[in-house]
């Protein structure tokens, strides 16, 4: 089925009594996902770093969806200490979590490190979410039927993860390859999450949203756009251009309410009830992610490395 907006996906869906946690909920696709899931009756936990933007989003959803149940939690994925505080707050708010949508992310950032010394894209896109998700497993398991939706990208085609140097200590930094590796890490995270948690009724999915007009591209220059084409293999270029109607100037860039369609579909679609560990795009399962992203041994190895970096257990 084809949907034009996230709100269309939830038409007829009843999420009353369910709780959805969304990271990066203060803007872009996270904000639109929150509105759609709230419209279906879910209690939405809005998590993001910017307190003012979070408050504005909560007010906006209340206007758009009268009677919506929303709660805000400050979340800074670049600080594991903050992630742990946020996870504890979320656990107090929601003893059962039916959907965890790991939506937040950064893209093509200049070199930088998080509070814990992680490369900023690996730290934000993967390791911060890895720790948050790990800490929320009890609440996800308690739902007796939960979904973890992880935002990845066809940018994963640009690079596999270097398991021996996730945080770019040994190599000259390349922001494009670092982004690609973080998106590969997102898919590998999905694979291992689904393997570990499916017996507890928790399934995991990775989503490619397409080209979407959000603040994610704020670090990109016109020169970067030209350079980027040299990093993407032919399949990734084609997938970006043939999933949306073309204009004379190239592939169409979706607005956030359109870009959020697949991640909302992943959160609610009955078609995925008995399925997990799949890469989704355009409200369907994609059969052609890069082979290294679905390698179960690499997924388990990344989990072990991530756990050591985050100082976690189990």
C-alpha atoms as a PDB file:
ATOM      1  CA  UNK A   1       0.000   0.000   0.000  1.00  0.00           C
ATOM      2  CA  UNK A   2       1.175   3.523  -0.772  1.00  0.00           C
ATOM      3  CA  UNK A   3       0.833   6.336   1.753  1.00  0.00           C
ATOM      4  CA  UNK A   4       1.437  10.023   1.132  1.00  0.00           C
ATOM      5  CA  UNK A   5       1.873  11.126   4.743  1.00  0.00           C
ATOM      6  CA  UNK A   6       2.484   9.626   8.170  1.00  0.00           C
ATOM      7  CA  UNK A   7      -1.052  10.517   9.228  1.00  0.00           C
ATOM      8  CA  UNK A   8      -2.435   8.356   6.423  1.00  0.00           C
ATOM      9  CA  UNK A   9      -0.497   5.371   7.769  1.00  0.00           C
ATOM     10  CA  UNK A  10      -2.327   5.477  11.108  1.00  0.00           C
ATOM     11  CA  UNK A  11      -5.791   5.969   9.670  1.00  0.00           C
ATOM     12  CA  UNK A  12      -7.929   3.325  11.380  1.00  0.00           C
ATOM     13  CA  UNK A  13      -5.104   2.258  13.733  1.00  0.00           C
ATOM     14  CA  UNK A  14      -5.915   2.193  17.460  1.00  0.00           C
ATOM     15  CA  UNK A  15      -2.924   2.643  19.779  1.00  0.00           C
ATOM     16  CA  UNK A  16      -4.927   3.540  22.873  1.00  0.00           C
ATOM     17  CA  UNK A  17      -3.153   2.278  25.984  1.00  0.00           C
ATOM     18  CA  UNK A  18       0.205   2.005  24.216  1.00  0.00           C
ATOM     19  CA  UNK A  19       3.343   4.072  24.716  1.00  0.00           C
ATOM     20  CA  UNK A  20       5.762   5.175  22.018  1.00  0.00           C
ATOM     21  CA  UNK A  21       9.175   6.699  22.761  1.00  0.00           C
ATOM     22  CA  UNK A  22      10.671   8.799  19.968  1.00  0.00           C
ATOM     23  CA  UNK A  23      14.178  10.260  19.958  1.00  0.00           C
ATOM     24  CA  UNK A  24      14.806  13.425  17.985  1.00  0.00           C
ATOM     25  CA  UNK A  25      11.115  14.186  18.452  1.00  0.00           C
ATOM     26  CA  UNK A  26      11.469  17.969  18.470  1.00  0.00           C
ATOM     27  CA  UNK A  27      11.869  18.392  14.703  1.00  0.00           C
ATOM     28  CA  UNK A  28      11.590  16.814  11.282  1.00  0.00           C
ATOM     29  CA  UNK A  29      10.503  13.222  10.904  1.00  0.00           C
ATOM     30  CA  UNK A  30      10.516  12.593  14.640  1.00  0.00           C
ATOM     31  CA  UNK A  31       8.029  15.397  15.175  1.00  0.00           C
ATOM     32  CA  UNK A  32       5.782  14.115  12.384  1.00  0.00           C
ATOM     33  CA  UNK A  33       5.999  10.549  13.664  1.00  0.00           C
ATOM     34  CA  UNK A  34       4.986  11.765  17.106  1.00  0.00           C
ATOM     35  CA  UNK A  35       1.961  13.588  15.736  1.00  0.00           C
ATOM     36  CA  UNK A  36       0.834  10.554  13.734  1.00  0.00           C
ATOM     37  CA  UNK A  37       1.209   8.072  16.581  1.00  0.00           C
ATOM     38  CA  UNK A  38      -0.499  10.485  18.984  1.00  0.00           C
ATOM     39  CA  UNK A  39      -3.379  10.767  16.513  1.00  0.00           C
ATOM     40  CA  UNK A  40      -3.744   6.976  16.765  1.00  0.00           C
ATOM     41  CA  UNK A  41      -4.175   7.277  20.522  1.00  0.00           C
ATOM     42  CA  UNK A  42      -0.710   6.409  21.833  1.00  0.00           C
ATOM     43  CA  UNK A  43       0.985   8.107  24.750  1.00  0.00           C
ATOM     44  CA  UNK A  44       4.076   9.682  23.189  1.00  0.00           C
ATOM     45  CA  UNK A  45       7.296  10.238  25.100  1.00  0.00           C
ATOM     46  CA  UNK A  46       9.075  13.007  23.214  1.00  0.00           C
ATOM     47  CA  UNK A  47      12.841  12.825  23.719  1.00  0.00           C
ATOM     48  CA  UNK A  48      15.324  15.388  22.414  1.00  0.00           C
ATOM     49  CA  UNK A  49      18.136  17.683  23.506  1.00  0.00           C
ATOM     50  CA  UNK A  50      16.566  21.101  22.905  1.00  0.00           C
ATOM     51  CA  UNK A  51      14.126  21.805  25.747  1.00  0.00           C
ATOM     52  CA  UNK A  52      12.503  24.774  24.016  1.00  0.00           C
ATOM     53  CA  UNK A  53      11.967  22.830  20.812  1.00  0.00           C
ATOM     54  CA  UNK A  54      10.542  19.930  22.799  1.00  0.00           C
ATOM     55  CA  UNK A  55       8.069  22.217  24.543  1.00  0.00           C
ATOM     56  CA  UNK A  56       7.086  23.756  21.212  1.00  0.00           C
ATOM     57  CA  UNK A  57       6.547  20.305  19.711  1.00  0.00           C
ATOM     58  CA  UNK A  58       4.424  19.219  22.655  1.00  0.00           C
ATOM     59  CA  UNK A  59       2.275  22.327  22.266  1.00  0.00           C
ATOM     60  CA  UNK A  60       2.009  21.811  18.496  1.00  0.00           C
ATOM     61  CA  UNK A  61       0.894  18.199  18.877  1.00  0.00           C
ATOM     62  CA  UNK A  62      -1.670  19.282  21.460  1.00  0.00           C
ATOM     63  CA  UNK A  63      -3.099  21.721  18.930  1.00  0.00           C
ATOM     64  CA  UNK A  64      -2.985  19.270  16.022  1.00  0.00           C
ATOM     65  CA  UNK A  65      -4.325  16.330  18.032  1.00  0.00           C
ATOM     66  CA  UNK A  66      -6.720  17.551  20.741  1.00  0.00           C
ATOM     67  CA  UNK A  67      -6.504  15.300  23.760  1.00  0.00           C
ATOM     68  CA  UNK A  68      -3.087  13.926  22.784  1.00  0.00           C
ATOM     69  CA  UNK A  69      -1.071  12.405  25.621  1.00  0.00           C
ATOM     70  CA  UNK A  70       2.540  13.521  25.463  1.00  0.00           C
ATOM     71  CA  UNK A  71       5.430  13.701  27.908  1.00  0.00           C
ATOM     72  CA  UNK A  72       8.834  15.265  27.323  1.00  0.00           C
ATOM     73  CA  UNK A  73      12.230  13.954  28.415  1.00  0.00           C
ATOM     74  CA  UNK A  74      15.558  15.707  27.876  1.00  0.00           C
ATOM     75  CA  UNK A  75      17.921  13.427  25.964  1.00  0.00           C
ATOM     76  CA  UNK A  76      21.454  14.209  24.816  1.00  0.00           C
ATOM     77  CA  UNK A  77      22.781  11.234  22.876  1.00  0.00           C
ATOM     78  CA  UNK A  78      26.311  12.658  22.961  1.00  0.00           C
ATOM     79  CA  UNK A  79      26.556  12.002  26.706  1.00  0.00           C
ATOM     80  CA  UNK A  80      26.157   8.509  28.123  1.00  0.00           C
ATOM     81  CA  UNK A  81      25.575   9.997  31.569  1.00  0.00           C
ATOM     82  CA  UNK A  82      22.650  11.977  30.174  1.00  0.00           C
ATOM     83  CA  UNK A  83      21.362   8.946  28.256  1.00  0.00           C
ATOM     84  CA  UNK A  84      21.260   6.999  31.516  1.00  0.00           C
ATOM     85  CA  UNK A  85      19.374   9.766  33.305  1.00  0.00           C
ATOM     86  CA  UNK A  86      16.924   9.980  30.390  1.00  0.00           C
ATOM     87  CA  UNK A  87      16.428   6.199  30.321  1.00  0.00           C
ATOM     88  CA  UNK A  88      15.623   6.196  34.039  1.00  0.00           C
ATOM     89  CA  UNK A  89      13.129   9.024  33.534  1.00  0.00           C
ATOM     90  CA  UNK A  90      11.494   7.213  30.622  1.00  0.00           C
ATOM     91  CA  UNK A  91      11.286   4.024  32.663  1.00  0.00           C
ATOM     92  CA  UNK A  92       9.490   5.901  35.434  1.00  0.00           C
ATOM     93  CA  UNK A  93       7.050   7.402  32.942  1.00  0.00           C
ATOM     94  CA  UNK A  94       6.459   4.227  30.943  1.00  0.00           C
ATOM     95  CA  UNK A  95       6.713   0.824  32.648  1.00  0.00           C
ATOM     96  CA  UNK A  96       5.777  -0.662  29.271  1.00  0.00           C
ATOM     97  CA  UNK A  97       7.088   0.636  25.951  1.00  0.00           C
ATOM     98  CA  UNK A  98       5.370  -0.636  22.814  1.00  0.00           C
ATOM     99  CA  UNK A  99       7.405   1.332  20.273  1.00  0.00           C
ATOM    100  CA  UNK A 100      10.916   2.716  20.622  1.00  0.00           C
ATOM    101  CA  UNK A 101      11.745   4.843  17.595  1.00  0.00           C
ATOM    102  CA  UNK A 102      15.447   5.665  17.423  1.00  0.00           C
ATOM    103  CA  UNK A 103      14.945   8.574  15.053  1.00  0.00           C
ATOM    104  CA  UNK A 104      17.557  11.148  16.106  1.00  0.00           C
ATOM    105  CA  UNK A 105      20.777  11.528  14.174  1.00  0.00           C
ATOM    106  CA  UNK A 106      23.459  13.702  12.628  1.00  0.00           C
ATOM    107  CA  UNK A 107      24.945  13.617   9.155  1.00  0.00           C
ATOM    108  CA  UNK A 108      28.270  14.602   7.556  1.00  0.00           C
ATOM    109  CA  UNK A 109      29.404  16.553  10.594  1.00  0.00           C
ATOM    110  CA  UNK A 110      32.870  18.075  10.911  1.00  0.00           C
ATOM    111  CA  UNK A 111      35.162  16.004  13.098  1.00  0.00           C
ATOM    112  CA  UNK A 112      34.236  16.117  16.752  1.00  0.00           C
ATOM    113  CA  UNK A 113      33.895  13.909  19.785  1.00  0.00           C
ATOM    114  CA  UNK A 114      31.127  13.301  22.273  1.00  0.00           C
ATOM    115  CA  UNK A 115      31.468  13.755  26.014  1.00  0.00           C
ATOM    116  CA  UNK A 116      32.680  10.147  26.173  1.00  0.00           C
ATOM    117  CA  UNK A 117      35.250  10.532  23.399  1.00  0.00           C
ATOM    118  CA  UNK A 118      33.233   8.868  20.644  1.00  0.00           C
ATOM    119  CA  UNK A 119      33.395  10.195  17.087  1.00  0.00           C
ATOM    120  CA  UNK A 120      30.312  12.387  16.870  1.00  0.00           C
ATOM    121  CA  UNK A 121      28.427  10.466  14.164  1.00  0.00           C
ATOM    122  CA  UNK A 122      29.163   7.034  15.639  1.00  0.00           C
ATOM    123  CA  UNK A 123      28.372   8.366  19.092  1.00  0.00           C
ATOM    124  CA  UNK A 124      25.086  10.028  18.207  1.00  0.00           C
ATOM    125  CA  UNK A 125      23.696   7.726  15.556  1.00  0.00           C
ATOM    126  CA  UNK A 126      24.724   4.410  17.093  1.00  0.00           C
ATOM    127  CA  UNK A 127      26.353   4.348  20.533  1.00  0.00           C
ATOM    128  CA  UNK A 128      23.984   6.766  22.266  1.00  0.00           C
ATOM    129  CA  UNK A 129      21.012   4.848  20.910  1.00  0.00           C
ATOM    130  CA  UNK A 130      22.691   1.537  21.741  1.00  0.00           C
ATOM    131  CA  UNK A 131      22.901   2.509  25.409  1.00  0.00           C
ATOM    132  CA  UNK A 132      19.394   3.967  25.517  1.00  0.00           C
ATOM    133  CA  UNK A 133      17.899   0.862  23.935  1.00  0.00           C
ATOM    134  CA  UNK A 134      19.854  -1.477  26.208  1.00  0.00           C
ATOM    135  CA  UNK A 135      18.551   0.326  29.282  1.00  0.00           C
ATOM    136  CA  UNK A 136      14.945   0.224  28.058  1.00  0.00           C
ATOM    137  CA  UNK A 137      14.870  -3.522  27.324  1.00  0.00           C
ATOM    138  CA  UNK A 138      12.909  -4.291  30.538  1.00  0.00           C
ATOM    139  CA  UNK A 139      10.141  -1.867  29.529  1.00  0.00           C
ATOM    140  CA  UNK A 140      10.116  -3.161  25.953  1.00  0.00           C
ATOM    141  CA  UNK A 141       9.903  -6.755  27.169  1.00  0.00           C
ATOM    142  CA  UNK A 142       7.095  -5.870  29.564  1.00  0.00           C
ATOM    143  CA  UNK A 143       4.941  -4.704  26.645  1.00  0.00           C
ATOM    144  CA  UNK A 144       4.588  -8.321  25.474  1.00  0.00           C
ATOM    145  CA  UNK A 145       4.762  -7.199  21.874  1.00  0.00           C
ATOM    146  CA  UNK A 146       7.047  -4.253  21.138  1.00  0.00           C
ATOM    147  CA  UNK A 147       8.876  -2.822  18.148  1.00  0.00           C
ATOM    148  CA  UNK A 148      12.192  -1.037  17.890  1.00  0.00           C
ATOM    149  CA  UNK A 149      12.382   1.152  14.793  1.00  0.00           C
ATOM    150  CA  UNK A 150      15.889   2.356  13.937  1.00  0.00           C
ATOM    151  CA  UNK A 151      16.482   5.089  11.376  1.00  0.00           C
ATOM    152  CA  UNK A 152      19.247   4.069   9.026  1.00  0.00           C
ATOM    153  CA  UNK A 153      19.833   5.185   5.429  1.00  0.00           C
ATOM    154  CA  UNK A 154      21.033   4.049   2.043  1.00  0.00           C
ATOM    155  CA  UNK A 155      24.112   5.971   3.147  1.00  0.00           C
ATOM    156  CA  UNK A 156      25.134   2.624   4.644  1.00  0.00           C
ATOM    157  CA  UNK A 157      26.320   1.646   1.160  1.00  0.00           C
ATOM    158  CA  UNK A 158      29.214   4.086   1.577  1.00  0.00           C
ATOM    159  CA  UNK A 159      30.998   2.166   4.307  1.00  0.00           C
ATOM    160  CA  UNK A 160      31.044  -0.880   6.526  1.00  0.00           C
ATOM    161  CA  UNK A 161      31.955  -0.427  10.200  1.00  0.00           C
ATOM    162  CA  UNK A 162      35.615  -0.719  11.145  1.00  0.00           C
ATOM    163  CA  UNK A 163      35.159  -2.766  14.306  1.00  0.00           C
ATOM    164  CA  UNK A 164      38.717  -2.023  15.369  1.00  0.00           C
ATOM    165  CA  UNK A 165      38.378   1.755  14.990  1.00  0.00           C
ATOM    166  CA  UNK A 166      34.738   2.780  15.317  1.00  0.00           C
ATOM    167  CA  UNK A 167      35.746   6.137  16.758  1.00  0.00           C
ATOM    168  CA  UNK A 168      38.368   7.142  14.211  1.00  0.00           C
ATOM    169  CA  UNK A 169      41.460   7.130  16.392  1.00  0.00           C
ATOM    170  CA  UNK A 170      43.676   5.357  13.843  1.00  0.00           C
ATOM    171  CA  UNK A 171      42.506   6.854  10.528  1.00  0.00           C
ATOM    172  CA  UNK A 172      42.267  10.248   8.899  1.00  0.00           C
ATOM    173  CA  UNK A 173      38.690  11.391   9.391  1.00  0.00           C
ATOM    174  CA  UNK A 174      36.288  11.228   6.475  1.00  0.00           C
ATOM    175  CA  UNK A 175      32.848  12.581   7.342  1.00  0.00           C
ATOM    176  CA  UNK A 176      31.146  10.699   4.502  1.00  0.00           C
ATOM    177  CA  UNK A 177      32.605   7.321   5.426  1.00  0.00           C
ATOM    178  CA  UNK A 178      31.942   8.019   9.104  1.00  0.00           C
ATOM    179  CA  UNK A 179      28.290   8.670   8.345  1.00  0.00           C
ATOM    180  CA  UNK A 180      28.045   5.559   6.179  1.00  0.00           C
ATOM    181  CA  UNK A 181      29.600   3.452   8.918  1.00  0.00           C
ATOM    182  CA  UNK A 182      27.162   4.815  11.501  1.00  0.00           C
ATOM    183  CA  UNK A 183      24.236   3.901   9.264  1.00  0.00           C
ATOM    184  CA  UNK A 184      25.673   0.412   8.778  1.00  0.00           C
ATOM    185  CA  UNK A 185      25.964   0.193  12.566  1.00  0.00           C
ATOM    186  CA  UNK A 186      22.260   1.039  12.827  1.00  0.00           C
ATOM    187  CA  UNK A 187      21.329  -1.959  10.685  1.00  0.00           C
ATOM    188  CA  UNK A 188      23.727  -4.317  12.461  1.00  0.00           C
ATOM    189  CA  UNK A 189      22.267  -3.113  15.768  1.00  0.00           C
ATOM    190  CA  UNK A 190      18.821  -4.075  14.473  1.00  0.00           C
ATOM    191  CA  UNK A 191      20.016  -7.553  13.518  1.00  0.00           C
ATOM    192  CA  UNK A 192      21.431  -8.328  16.950  1.00  0.00           C
ATOM    193  CA  UNK A 193      18.550  -6.695  18.825  1.00  0.00           C
ATOM    194  CA  UNK A 194      16.048  -8.818  16.961  1.00  0.00           C
ATOM    195  CA  UNK A 195      18.069 -11.979  17.569  1.00  0.00           C
ATOM    196  CA  UNK A 196      18.357 -11.278  21.295  1.00  0.00           C
ATOM    197  CA  UNK A 197      14.849 -10.024  21.963  1.00  0.00           C
ATOM    198  CA  UNK A 198      12.453 -11.802  19.625  1.00  0.00           C
ATOM    199  CA  UNK A 199      11.776 -14.514  22.227  1.00  0.00           C
ATOM    200  CA  UNK A 200      10.611 -11.710  24.538  1.00  0.00           C
ATOM    201  CA  UNK A 201       8.173 -10.442  21.947  1.00  0.00           C
ATOM    202  CA  UNK A 202      10.355  -7.552  20.780  1.00  0.00           C
ATOM    203  CA  UNK A 203      11.110  -7.157  17.063  1.00  0.00           C
ATOM    204  CA  UNK A 204      13.491  -4.679  15.436  1.00  0.00           C
ATOM    205  CA  UNK A 205      13.499  -2.902  12.074  1.00  0.00           C
ATOM    206  CA  UNK A 206      15.803  -0.523  10.219  1.00  0.00           C
ATOM    207  CA  UNK A 207      14.367   2.160   7.955  1.00  0.00           C
ATOM    208  CA  UNK A 208      15.591   4.112   4.949  1.00  0.00           C
ATOM    209  CA  UNK A 209      13.366   7.208   4.783  1.00  0.00           C
ATOM    210  CA  UNK A 210      14.574   8.529   1.420  1.00  0.00           C
ATOM    211  CA  UNK A 211      15.612  12.082   0.702  1.00  0.00           C
ATOM    212  CA  UNK A 212      13.830  14.342   3.172  1.00  0.00           C
ATOM    213  CA  UNK A 213      13.988  18.091   3.763  1.00  0.00           C
ATOM    214  CA  UNK A 214      15.116  18.256   7.395  1.00  0.00           C
ATOM    215  CA  UNK A 215      17.844  19.958   9.414  1.00  0.00           C
ATOM    216  CA  UNK A 216      19.933  16.800   9.079  1.00  0.00           C
ATOM    217  CA  UNK A 217      21.720  18.252   6.042  1.00  0.00           C
ATOM    218  CA  UNK A 218      22.636  21.524   7.743  1.00  0.00           C
ATOM    219  CA  UNK A 219      26.366  20.707   7.648  1.00  0.00           C
ATOM    220  CA  UNK A 220      26.396  20.068   3.897  1.00  0.00           C
ATOM    221  CA  UNK A 221      27.775  22.478   1.328  1.00  0.00           C
ATOM    222  CA  UNK A 222      27.194  22.569  -2.424  1.00  0.00           C
ATOM    223  CA  UNK A 223      30.653  21.080  -2.841  1.00  0.00           C
ATOM    224  CA  UNK A 224      29.720  18.264  -0.465  1.00  0.00           C
ATOM    225  CA  UNK A 225      26.732  17.364  -2.626  1.00  0.00           C
ATOM    226  CA  UNK A 226      29.024  16.904  -5.604  1.00  0.00           C
ATOM    227  CA  UNK A 227      31.586  14.980  -3.583  1.00  0.00           C
ATOM    228  CA  UNK A 228      28.948  12.713  -2.113  1.00  0.00           C
ATOM    229  CA  UNK A 229      28.041  11.226  -5.477  1.00  0.00           C
ATOM    230  CA  UNK A 230      31.513   9.770  -5.715  1.00  0.00           C
ATOM    231  CA  UNK A 231      31.002   7.858  -2.469  1.00  0.00           C
ATOM    232  CA  UNK A 232      27.664   6.273  -3.298  1.00  0.00           C
ATOM    233  CA  UNK A 233      27.628   3.056  -5.323  1.00  0.00           C
ATOM    234  CA  UNK A 234      25.281   2.868  -8.262  1.00  0.00           C
ATOM    235  CA  UNK A 235      22.583   1.007  -6.315  1.00  0.00           C
ATOM    236  CA  UNK A 236      22.332   3.754  -3.695  1.00  0.00           C
ATOM    237  CA  UNK A 237      22.164   6.485  -6.330  1.00  0.00           C
ATOM    238  CA  UNK A 238      19.448   4.631  -8.169  1.00  0.00           C
ATOM    239  CA  UNK A 239      17.443   3.877  -5.031  1.00  0.00           C
ATOM    240  CA  UNK A 240      17.380   7.515  -4.096  1.00  0.00           C
ATOM    241  CA  UNK A 241      16.227   8.589  -7.529  1.00  0.00           C
ATOM    242  CA  UNK A 242      13.675   5.936  -8.390  1.00  0.00           C
ATOM    243  CA  UNK A 243      11.757   5.771  -5.111  1.00  0.00           C
ATOM    244  CA  UNK A 244      10.168   9.178  -5.636  1.00  0.00           C
ATOM    245  CA  UNK A 245       8.806  10.993  -8.692  1.00  0.00           C
ATOM    246  CA  UNK A 246      11.484  12.895 -10.567  1.00  0.00           C
ATOM    247  CA  UNK A 247      11.402  16.555 -11.460  1.00  0.00           C
ATOM    248  CA  UNK A 248      13.494  18.240 -14.125  1.00  0.00           C
ATOM    249  CA  UNK A 249      16.079  19.086 -11.479  1.00  0.00           C
ATOM    250  CA  UNK A 250      16.480  15.538 -10.158  1.00  0.00           C
ATOM    251  CA  UNK A 251      14.897  13.338  -7.497  1.00  0.00           C
ATOM    252  CA  UNK A 252      12.118  14.805  -5.439  1.00  0.00           C
ATOM    253  CA  UNK A 253      12.922  15.693  -1.855  1.00  0.00           C
ATOM    254  CA  UNK A 254      10.081  14.754   0.499  1.00  0.00           C
ATOM    255  CA  UNK A 255       8.738  16.911   3.271  1.00  0.00           C
ATOM    256  CA  UNK A 256       9.023  15.508   6.832  1.00  0.00           C
ATOM    257  CA  UNK A 257       5.415  14.269   6.996  1.00  0.00           C
ATOM    258  CA  UNK A 258       6.106  12.290   3.820  1.00  0.00           C
ATOM    259  CA  UNK A 259       9.556  11.152   4.906  1.00  0.00           C
ATOM    260  CA  UNK A 260       8.151   9.767   8.169  1.00  0.00           C
ATOM    261  CA  UNK A 261       5.808   7.362   6.374  1.00  0.00           C
ATOM    262  CA  UNK A 262       7.983   4.240   6.506  1.00  0.00           C
ATOM    263  CA  UNK A 263       9.084   4.597  10.123  1.00  0.00           C
ATOM    264  CA  UNK A 264       5.476   5.042  11.245  1.00  0.00           C
ATOM    265  CA  UNK A 265       4.467   2.084   9.076  1.00  0.00           C
ATOM    266  CA  UNK A 266       7.212   0.047  10.740  1.00  0.00           C
ATOM    267  CA  UNK A 267       5.775   0.968  14.122  1.00  0.00           C
ATOM    268  CA  UNK A 268       2.165  -0.062  13.401  1.00  0.00           C
ATOM    269  CA  UNK A 269       1.795  -2.256  10.320  1.00  0.00           C
ATOM    270  CA  UNK A 270       0.200  -5.667  10.909  1.00  0.00           C
ATOM    271  CA  UNK A 271       2.195  -6.912   7.913  1.00  0.00           C
ATOM    272  CA  UNK A 272       5.283  -6.935  10.139  1.00  0.00           C
ATOM    273  CA  UNK A 273       3.705  -8.729  13.101  1.00  0.00           C
ATOM    274  CA  UNK A 274       5.691 -11.931  12.613  1.00  0.00           C
ATOM    275  CA  UNK A 275       8.735 -10.379  10.976  1.00  0.00           C
ATOM    276  CA  UNK A 276      11.845  -8.621  12.233  1.00  0.00           C
ATOM    277  CA  UNK A 277      15.463  -7.924  11.358  1.00  0.00           C
ATOM    278  CA  UNK A 278      14.533  -6.423   7.980  1.00  0.00           C
ATOM    279  CA  UNK A 279      15.522  -3.251   6.126  1.00  0.00           C
ATOM    280  CA  UNK A 280      12.509  -1.176   5.146  1.00  0.00           C
ATOM    281  CA  UNK A 281      11.853   1.544   2.567  1.00  0.00           C
ATOM    282  CA  UNK A 282       8.688   2.829   0.933  1.00  0.00           C
ATOM    283  CA  UNK A 283       6.534   0.807   3.356  1.00  0.00           C
ATOM    284  CA  UNK A 284       8.028  -2.481   2.276  1.00  0.00           C
ATOM    285  CA  UNK A 285      10.941  -4.829   2.898  1.00  0.00           C
ATOM    286  CA  UNK A 286      14.014  -4.079   0.831  1.00  0.00           C
ATOM    287  CA  UNK A 287      15.933  -7.107  -0.356  1.00  0.00           C
ATOM    288  CA  UNK A 288      19.170  -5.390  -1.301  1.00  0.00           C
ATOM    289  CA  UNK A 289      20.929  -3.742   1.648  1.00  0.00           C
ATOM    290  CA  UNK A 290      24.708  -4.158   1.514  1.00  0.00           C
ATOM    291  CA  UNK A 291      25.507  -7.766   2.513  1.00  0.00           C
ATOM    292  CA  UNK A 292      27.730  -6.715   5.406  1.00  0.00           C
ATOM    293  CA  UNK A 293      24.783  -5.040   7.150  1.00  0.00           C
ATOM    294  CA  UNK A 294      22.899  -8.301   7.698  1.00  0.00           C
ATOM    295  CA  UNK A 295      25.907 -10.418   8.706  1.00  0.00           C
ATOM    296  CA  UNK A 296      24.911 -11.952  12.046  1.00  0.00           C
ATOM    297  CA  UNK A 297      28.493 -12.526  13.136  1.00  0.00           C
ATOM    298  CA  UNK A 298      29.390  -8.881  12.485  1.00  0.00           C
ATOM    299  CA  UNK A 299      26.226  -7.786  14.280  1.00  0.00           C
ATOM    300  CA  UNK A 300      27.223  -9.809  17.341  1.00  0.00           C
ATOM    301  CA  UNK A 301      30.770  -8.444  17.175  1.00  0.00           C
ATOM    302  CA  UNK A 302      29.519  -4.854  16.945  1.00  0.00           C
ATOM    303  CA  UNK A 303      27.287  -5.480  19.954  1.00  0.00           C
ATOM    304  CA  UNK A 304      30.279  -6.684  21.972  1.00  0.00           C
ATOM    305  CA  UNK A 305      32.389  -3.653  20.952  1.00  0.00           C
ATOM    306  CA  UNK A 306      29.530  -1.248  21.647  1.00  0.00           C
ATOM    307  CA  UNK A 307      28.898  -2.790  25.045  1.00  0.00           C
ATOM    308  CA  UNK A 308      32.536  -2.385  26.020  1.00  0.00           C
ATOM    309  CA  UNK A 309      32.593   1.233  24.848  1.00  0.00           C
ATOM    310  CA  UNK A 310      29.428   2.037  26.760  1.00  0.00           C
ATOM    311  CA  UNK A 311      30.542   0.153  29.838  1.00  0.00           C
ATOM    312  CA  UNK A 312      27.417  -1.992  29.933  1.00  0.00           C
ATOM    313  CA  UNK A 313      26.757  -5.599  30.803  1.00  0.00           C
ATOM    314  CA  UNK A 314      24.444  -8.280  29.431  1.00  0.00           C
END
